[in-house]
Amino acid sequence: MRKLHIYTKGQVDFITKNVIGKSCKELAEMVKEEFEINLTERQIHTFKKNRNLKSGLDGRFKKGQKVWNKGMKGLNIGGKETQFKKGQTPINYRPVGSERVNVDGYVEIKIKDPSTWEPKHRVVWEEANGKVPKGHVVIFGDSNRLNVDLDNLILITRRQLSYLNKNNLIQNDADLTRSGILVADIFSRLSQLKKG
């Protein structure tokens, strides 16, 4: 663990006076030269941060500043032999129709190049029934995200989904989940009747 440095008034005044336009590395070197103490860039950075001191340096190019790679076309680090050739397909390329399981556990299917993936359960449902209407979602009757059989897919409204989730009515059996949807509809209707 690094030893804590206690700054003298002279050191504080010196750093504060010289902070504008200087990097932490430059300030550390100046402090070393002036006071014969070794401070790291990190210590100078912390000093500036704790006292809300700004150097005015933001790492951006200033107007008229010359860049080191002006006039170069492309950057060839590693040489031509390590670069992709025109028309070459990457190692991780997956053809249209490929499937994968995403981080949330849903099966996705590639529907278009270069990289357009859709949830498979939605694709299966839409092939049989047409586009999913606005404000609706397709859920898994048995709550198994890998079971994309058409019999297991149920179209419901977002309001129904909210009620199902709130009351834990999505079960491990598609028939029980369908019953839960009916219960959700009944309670939603009762709620509407009470309101007006």
C-alpha atoms as a PDB file:
ATOM      1  CA  MET A   1       0.000   0.000   0.000  1.00  0.00           C
ATOM      2  CA  ARG A   2       1.317   3.451  -0.950  1.00  0.00           C
ATOM      3  CA  LYS A   3       2.233   5.805   1.885  1.00  0.00           C
ATOM      4  CA  LEU A   4      -0.072   8.817   2.186  1.00  0.00           C
ATOM      5  CA  HIS A   5       1.681  12.084   1.384  1.00  0.00           C
ATOM      6  CA  ILE A   6       0.861  15.101   3.558  1.00  0.00           C
ATOM      7  CA  TYR A   7       1.269  18.260   1.484  1.00  0.00           C
ATOM      8  CA  THR A   8       2.898  21.358   2.951  1.00  0.00           C
ATOM      9  CA  LYS A   9       1.392  24.785   2.310  1.00  0.00           C
ATOM     10  CA  GLY A  10       4.253  25.541  -0.077  1.00  0.00           C
ATOM     11  CA  GLN A  11       3.595  22.357  -2.080  1.00  0.00           C
ATOM     12  CA  VAL A  12      -0.136  23.068  -2.239  1.00  0.00           C
ATOM     13  CA  ASP A  13       0.498  26.632  -3.432  1.00  0.00           C
ATOM     14  CA  PHE A  14       3.089  25.457  -5.991  1.00  0.00           C
ATOM     15  CA  ILE A  15       0.855  22.777  -7.530  1.00  0.00           C
ATOM     16  CA  THR A  16      -2.188  25.083  -7.535  1.00  0.00           C
ATOM     17  CA  LYS A  17      -0.202  27.863  -9.237  1.00  0.00           C
ATOM     18  CA  ASN A  18       1.257  25.556 -11.918  1.00  0.00           C
ATOM     19  CA  VAL A  19      -1.729  23.281 -12.661  1.00  0.00           C
ATOM     20  CA  ILE A  20      -2.987  25.110 -15.787  1.00  0.00           C
ATOM     21  CA  GLY A  21      -1.772  23.548 -19.026  1.00  0.00           C
ATOM     22  CA  LYS A  22       0.240  20.785 -17.315  1.00  0.00           C
ATOM     23  CA  SER A  23      -0.391  17.060 -17.289  1.00  0.00           C
ATOM     24  CA  CYS A  24      -0.139  15.073 -14.059  1.00  0.00           C
ATOM     25  CA  LYS A  25       3.191  13.660 -15.250  1.00  0.00           C
ATOM     26  CA  GLU A  26       4.614  17.124 -15.894  1.00  0.00           C
ATOM     27  CA  LEU A  27       3.388  18.378 -12.504  1.00  0.00           C
ATOM     28  CA  ALA A  28       4.938  15.376 -10.726  1.00  0.00           C
ATOM     29  CA  GLU A  29       8.293  16.139 -12.381  1.00  0.00           C
ATOM     30  CA  MET A  30       8.035  19.828 -11.453  1.00  0.00           C
ATOM     31  CA  VAL A  31       7.246  18.967  -7.814  1.00  0.00           C
ATOM     32  CA  LYS A  32      10.193  16.549  -7.737  1.00  0.00           C
ATOM     33  CA  GLU A  33      12.518  19.224  -9.065  1.00  0.00           C
ATOM     34  CA  GLU A  34      11.198  21.949  -6.726  1.00  0.00           C
ATOM     35  CA  PHE A  35      10.769  20.008  -3.469  1.00  0.00           C
ATOM     36  CA  GLU A  36      12.907  16.864  -4.048  1.00  0.00           C
ATOM     37  CA  ILE A  37       9.999  14.483  -3.354  1.00  0.00           C
ATOM     38  CA  ASN A  38       8.739  11.680  -5.587  1.00  0.00           C
ATOM     39  CA  LEU A  39       5.007  11.904  -6.245  1.00  0.00           C
ATOM     40  CA  THR A  40       3.309   9.637  -8.748  1.00  0.00           C
ATOM     41  CA  GLU A  41       0.973  10.816 -11.512  1.00  0.00           C
ATOM     42  CA  ARG A  42      -1.822   9.138  -9.562  1.00  0.00           C
ATOM     43  CA  GLN A  43      -1.063  11.175  -6.429  1.00  0.00           C
ATOM     44  CA  ILE A  44      -1.076  14.400  -8.452  1.00  0.00           C
ATOM     45  CA  HIS A  45      -4.328  13.350 -10.120  1.00  0.00           C
ATOM     46  CA  THR A  46      -5.920  12.676  -6.714  1.00  0.00           C
ATOM     47  CA  PHE A  47      -4.605  15.997  -5.369  1.00  0.00           C
ATOM     48  CA  LYS A  48      -6.213  17.853  -8.297  1.00  0.00           C
ATOM     49  CA  LYS A  49      -9.468  15.933  -8.008  1.00  0.00           C
ATOM     50  CA  ASN A  50      -9.774  16.490  -4.239  1.00  0.00           C
ATOM     51  CA  ARG A  51      -9.269  20.237  -4.680  1.00  0.00           C
ATOM     52  CA  ASN A  52     -11.337  20.495  -7.873  1.00  0.00           C
ATOM     53  CA  LEU A  53      -8.370  21.825  -9.849  1.00  0.00           C
ATOM     54  CA  LYS A  54      -8.603  21.749 -13.640  1.00  0.00           C
ATOM     55  CA  SER A  55      -5.592  21.847 -15.954  1.00  0.00           C
ATOM     56  CA  GLY A  56      -7.589  22.869 -19.017  1.00  0.00           C
ATOM     57  CA  LEU A  57      -6.268  19.837 -20.893  1.00  0.00           C
ATOM     58  CA  ASP A  58      -9.024  17.675 -22.335  1.00  0.00           C
ATOM     59  CA  GLY A  59      -7.070  15.444 -24.738  1.00  0.00           C
ATOM     60  CA  ARG A  60      -8.807  16.875 -27.812  1.00  0.00           C
ATOM     61  CA  PHE A  61      -7.135  18.259 -30.893  1.00  0.00           C
ATOM     62  CA  LYS A  62      -6.973  22.040 -30.942  1.00  0.00           C
ATOM     63  CA  LYS A  63      -7.743  24.017 -34.094  1.00  0.00           C
ATOM     64  CA  GLY A  64      -4.668  24.005 -36.314  1.00  0.00           C
ATOM     65  CA  GLN A  65      -2.924  21.222 -34.377  1.00  0.00           C
ATOM     66  CA  LYS A  66      -1.134  18.763 -36.658  1.00  0.00           C
ATOM     67  CA  VAL A  67      -1.905  15.064 -36.361  1.00  0.00           C
ATOM     68  CA  TRP A  68       0.797  12.420 -36.682  1.00  0.00           C
ATOM     69  CA  ASN A  69      -1.002  10.359 -39.329  1.00  0.00           C
ATOM     70  CA  LYS A  70      -2.063  13.139 -41.709  1.00  0.00           C
ATOM     71  CA  GLY A  71      -1.868  11.955 -45.321  1.00  0.00           C
ATOM     72  CA  MET A  72      -1.644   8.261 -44.431  1.00  0.00           C
ATOM     73  CA  LYS A  73      -4.290   6.045 -45.948  1.00  0.00           C
ATOM     74  CA  GLY A  74      -5.373   3.377 -43.492  1.00  0.00           C
ATOM     75  CA  LEU A  75      -3.305   2.065 -40.659  1.00  0.00           C
ATOM     76  CA  ASN A  76      -1.451  -1.145 -41.469  1.00  0.00           C
ATOM     77  CA  ILE A  77      -0.422  -2.589 -38.141  1.00  0.00           C
ATOM     78  CA  GLY A  78       0.568  -6.204 -38.630  1.00  0.00           C
ATOM     79  CA  GLY A  79       0.956  -6.011 -42.374  1.00  0.00           C
ATOM     80  CA  LYS A  80      -1.182  -7.079 -45.313  1.00  0.00           C
ATOM     81  CA  GLU A  81      -1.020 -10.805 -44.526  1.00  0.00           C
ATOM     82  CA  THR A  82      -3.105 -10.368 -41.353  1.00  0.00           C
ATOM     83  CA  GLN A  83      -5.889  -8.344 -42.940  1.00  0.00           C
ATOM     84  CA  PHE A  84      -9.145  -9.605 -44.429  1.00  0.00           C
ATOM     85  CA  LYS A  85      -9.105 -10.155 -48.144  1.00  0.00           C
ATOM     86  CA  LYS A  86     -11.940  -8.785 -50.244  1.00  0.00           C
ATOM     87  CA  GLY A  87     -14.830 -11.251 -50.226  1.00  0.00           C
ATOM     88  CA  GLN A  88     -13.369 -13.325 -47.377  1.00  0.00           C
ATOM     89  CA  THR A  89     -15.904 -14.465 -44.776  1.00  0.00           C
ATOM     90  CA  PRO A  90     -14.971 -14.202 -41.102  1.00  0.00           C
ATOM     91  CA  ILE A  91     -14.434 -17.315 -38.979  1.00  0.00           C
ATOM     92  CA  ASN A  92     -17.489 -16.539 -36.836  1.00  0.00           C
ATOM     93  CA  TYR A  93     -19.866 -16.055 -39.785  1.00  0.00           C
ATOM     94  CA  ARG A  94     -23.249 -17.759 -39.347  1.00  0.00           C
ATOM     95  CA  PRO A  95     -25.500 -18.319 -42.399  1.00  0.00           C
ATOM     96  CA  VAL A  96     -29.117 -17.154 -42.569  1.00  0.00           C
ATOM     97  CA  GLY A  97     -31.283 -19.696 -40.717  1.00  0.00           C
ATOM     98  CA  SER A  98     -28.659 -20.317 -38.013  1.00  0.00           C
ATOM     99  CA  GLU A  99     -29.879 -20.457 -34.437  1.00  0.00           C
ATOM    100  CA  ARG A 100     -28.354 -19.372 -31.150  1.00  0.00           C
ATOM    101  CA  VAL A 101     -29.472 -18.957 -27.545  1.00  0.00           C
ATOM    102  CA  ASN A 102     -29.018 -15.391 -26.273  1.00  0.00           C
ATOM    103  CA  VAL A 103     -27.986 -14.334 -22.762  1.00  0.00           C
ATOM    104  CA  ASP A 104     -31.638 -14.187 -21.655  1.00  0.00           C
ATOM    105  CA  GLY A 105     -32.210 -17.821 -22.682  1.00  0.00           C
ATOM    106  CA  TYR A 106     -34.285 -17.124 -25.832  1.00  0.00           C
ATOM    107  CA  VAL A 107     -33.595 -19.002 -29.068  1.00  0.00           C
ATOM    108  CA  GLU A 108     -32.794 -16.541 -31.871  1.00  0.00           C
ATOM    109  CA  ILE A 109     -32.698 -17.227 -35.590  1.00  0.00           C
ATOM    110  CA  LYS A 110     -30.680 -15.316 -38.173  1.00  0.00           C
ATOM    111  CA  ILE A 111     -33.094 -13.906 -40.733  1.00  0.00           C
ATOM    112  CA  LYS A 112     -30.834 -11.632 -42.788  1.00  0.00           C
ATOM    113  CA  ASP A 113     -27.157 -10.885 -43.468  1.00  0.00           C
ATOM    114  CA  PRO A 114     -24.956  -9.382 -42.211  1.00  0.00           C
ATOM    115  CA  SER A 115     -26.321  -9.788 -38.685  1.00  0.00           C
ATOM    116  CA  THR A 116     -30.096  -9.554 -38.205  1.00  0.00           C
ATOM    117  CA  TRP A 117     -31.429 -11.939 -35.551  1.00  0.00           C
ATOM    118  CA  GLU A 118     -35.034 -12.368 -34.372  1.00  0.00           C
ATOM    119  CA  PRO A 119     -36.509 -14.375 -31.500  1.00  0.00           C
ATOM    120  CA  LYS A 120     -37.435 -17.760 -32.979  1.00  0.00           C
ATOM    121  CA  HIS A 121     -40.736 -17.997 -31.075  1.00  0.00           C
ATOM    122  CA  ARG A 122     -41.923 -14.783 -32.732  1.00  0.00           C
ATOM    123  CA  VAL A 123     -40.803 -15.982 -36.193  1.00  0.00           C
ATOM    124  CA  VAL A 124     -42.619 -19.328 -35.724  1.00  0.00           C
ATOM    125  CA  TRP A 125     -45.806 -17.617 -34.503  1.00  0.00           C
ATOM    126  CA  GLU A 126     -45.753 -15.034 -37.339  1.00  0.00           C
ATOM    127  CA  GLU A 127     -45.248 -17.731 -40.009  1.00  0.00           C
ATOM    128  CA  ALA A 128     -48.479 -19.386 -38.837  1.00  0.00           C
ATOM    129  CA  ASN A 129     -50.573 -16.341 -37.876  1.00  0.00           C
ATOM    130  CA  GLY A 130     -49.158 -13.203 -39.482  1.00  0.00           C
ATOM    131  CA  LYS A 131     -47.527 -10.179 -37.866  1.00  0.00           C
ATOM    132  CA  VAL A 132     -47.747  -9.797 -34.081  1.00  0.00           C
ATOM    133  CA  PRO A 133     -50.204  -6.924 -33.497  1.00  0.00           C
ATOM    134  CA  LYS A 134     -48.986  -3.753 -31.806  1.00  0.00           C
ATOM    135  CA  GLY A 135     -49.324  -3.940 -28.020  1.00  0.00           C
ATOM    136  CA  HIS A 136     -49.169  -7.744 -28.024  1.00  0.00           C
ATOM    137  CA  VAL A 137     -46.461 -10.275 -27.191  1.00  0.00           C
ATOM    138  CA  VAL A 138     -45.952 -13.988 -27.745  1.00  0.00           C
ATOM    139  CA  ILE A 139     -45.278 -15.969 -24.553  1.00  0.00           C
ATOM    140  CA  PHE A 140     -44.350 -19.574 -23.813  1.00  0.00           C
ATOM    141  CA  GLY A 141     -47.272 -21.522 -22.347  1.00  0.00           C
ATOM    142  CA  ASP A 142     -45.021 -23.804 -20.310  1.00  0.00           C
ATOM    143  CA  SER A 143     -42.551 -20.955 -19.487  1.00  0.00           C
ATOM    144  CA  ASN A 144     -39.762 -22.907 -21.246  1.00  0.00           C
ATOM    145  CA  ARG A 145     -38.000 -20.428 -23.543  1.00  0.00           C
ATOM    146  CA  LEU A 146     -36.474 -23.259 -25.564  1.00  0.00           C
ATOM    147  CA  ASN A 147     -39.873 -24.827 -26.409  1.00  0.00           C
ATOM    148  CA  VAL A 148     -40.858 -22.976 -29.598  1.00  0.00           C
ATOM    149  CA  ASP A 149     -43.618 -25.395 -30.685  1.00  0.00           C
ATOM    150  CA  LEU A 150     -46.584 -23.491 -32.108  1.00  0.00           C
ATOM    151  CA  ASP A 151     -48.914 -25.203 -29.575  1.00  0.00           C
ATOM    152  CA  ASN A 152     -46.813 -23.735 -26.753  1.00  0.00           C
ATOM    153  CA  LEU A 153     -46.881 -20.143 -28.066  1.00  0.00           C
ATOM    154  CA  ILE A 154     -49.659 -17.841 -26.853  1.00  0.00           C
ATOM    155  CA  LEU A 155     -50.422 -14.317 -28.095  1.00  0.00           C
ATOM    156  CA  ILE A 156     -51.474 -11.943 -25.301  1.00  0.00           C
ATOM    157  CA  THR A 157     -51.671  -8.197 -24.710  1.00  0.00           C
ATOM    158  CA  ARG A 158     -49.032  -6.370 -22.707  1.00  0.00           C
ATOM    159  CA  ARG A 159     -51.709  -5.638 -20.077  1.00  0.00           C
ATOM    160  CA  GLN A 160     -52.408  -9.352 -19.715  1.00  0.00           C
ATOM    161  CA  LEU A 161     -48.659 -10.042 -19.479  1.00  0.00           C
ATOM    162  CA  SER A 162     -48.335  -7.475 -16.726  1.00  0.00           C
ATOM    163  CA  TYR A 163     -51.134  -9.099 -14.734  1.00  0.00           C
ATOM    164  CA  LEU A 164     -49.753 -12.612 -15.333  1.00  0.00           C
ATOM    165  CA  ASN A 165     -46.280 -11.612 -14.138  1.00  0.00           C
ATOM    166  CA  LYS A 166     -47.590  -9.681 -11.130  1.00  0.00           C
ATOM    167  CA  ASN A 167     -49.652 -12.642  -9.943  1.00  0.00           C
ATOM    168  CA  ASN A 168     -47.310 -15.492 -11.007  1.00  0.00           C
ATOM    169  CA  LEU A 169     -49.893 -16.987 -13.364  1.00  0.00           C
ATOM    170  CA  ILE A 170     -47.453 -18.215 -16.041  1.00  0.00           C
ATOM    171  CA  GLN A 171     -47.077 -21.885 -15.134  1.00  0.00           C
ATOM    172  CA  ASN A 172     -45.026 -24.880 -16.301  1.00  0.00           C
ATOM    173  CA  ASP A 173     -48.088 -26.178 -18.147  1.00  0.00           C
ATOM    174  CA  ALA A 174     -49.556 -24.392 -21.180  1.00  0.00           C
ATOM    175  CA  ASP A 175     -53.167 -25.216 -20.194  1.00  0.00           C
ATOM    176  CA  LEU A 176     -52.673 -23.742 -16.721  1.00  0.00           C
ATOM    177  CA  THR A 177     -51.146 -20.616 -18.252  1.00  0.00           C
ATOM    178  CA  ARG A 178     -54.174 -20.288 -20.576  1.00  0.00           C
ATOM    179  CA  SER A 179     -56.395 -20.531 -17.480  1.00  0.00           C
ATOM    180  CA  GLY A 180     -54.260 -17.825 -15.874  1.00  0.00           C
ATOM    181  CA  ILE A 181     -54.920 -15.593 -18.896  1.00  0.00           C
ATOM    182  CA  LEU A 182     -58.674 -16.051 -18.389  1.00  0.00           C
ATOM    183  CA  VAL A 183     -58.279 -15.112 -14.715  1.00  0.00           C
ATOM    184  CA  ALA A 184     -56.261 -12.053 -15.764  1.00  0.00           C
ATOM    185  CA  ASP A 185     -59.037 -11.030 -18.189  1.00  0.00           C
ATOM    186  CA  ILE A 186     -61.709 -11.406 -15.500  1.00  0.00           C
ATOM    187  CA  PHE A 187     -59.811  -9.311 -12.954  1.00  0.00           C
ATOM    188  CA  SER A 188     -58.937  -6.702 -15.589  1.00  0.00           C
ATOM    189  CA  ARG A 189     -62.618  -6.416 -16.529  1.00  0.00           C
ATOM    190  CA  LEU A 190     -63.649  -6.159 -12.849  1.00  0.00           C
ATOM    191  CA  SER A 191     -61.083  -3.407 -12.366  1.00  0.00           C
ATOM    192  CA  GLN A 192     -62.486  -1.484 -15.353  1.00  0.00           C
ATOM    193  CA  LEU A 193     -66.044  -1.831 -14.026  1.00  0.00           C
ATOM    194  CA  LYS A 194     -65.029  -0.505 -10.591  1.00  0.00           C
ATOM    195  CA  LYS A 195     -63.347   2.531 -12.178  1.00  0.00           C
ATOM    196  CA  GLY A 196     -66.278   3.572 -14.238  1.00  0.00           C
END
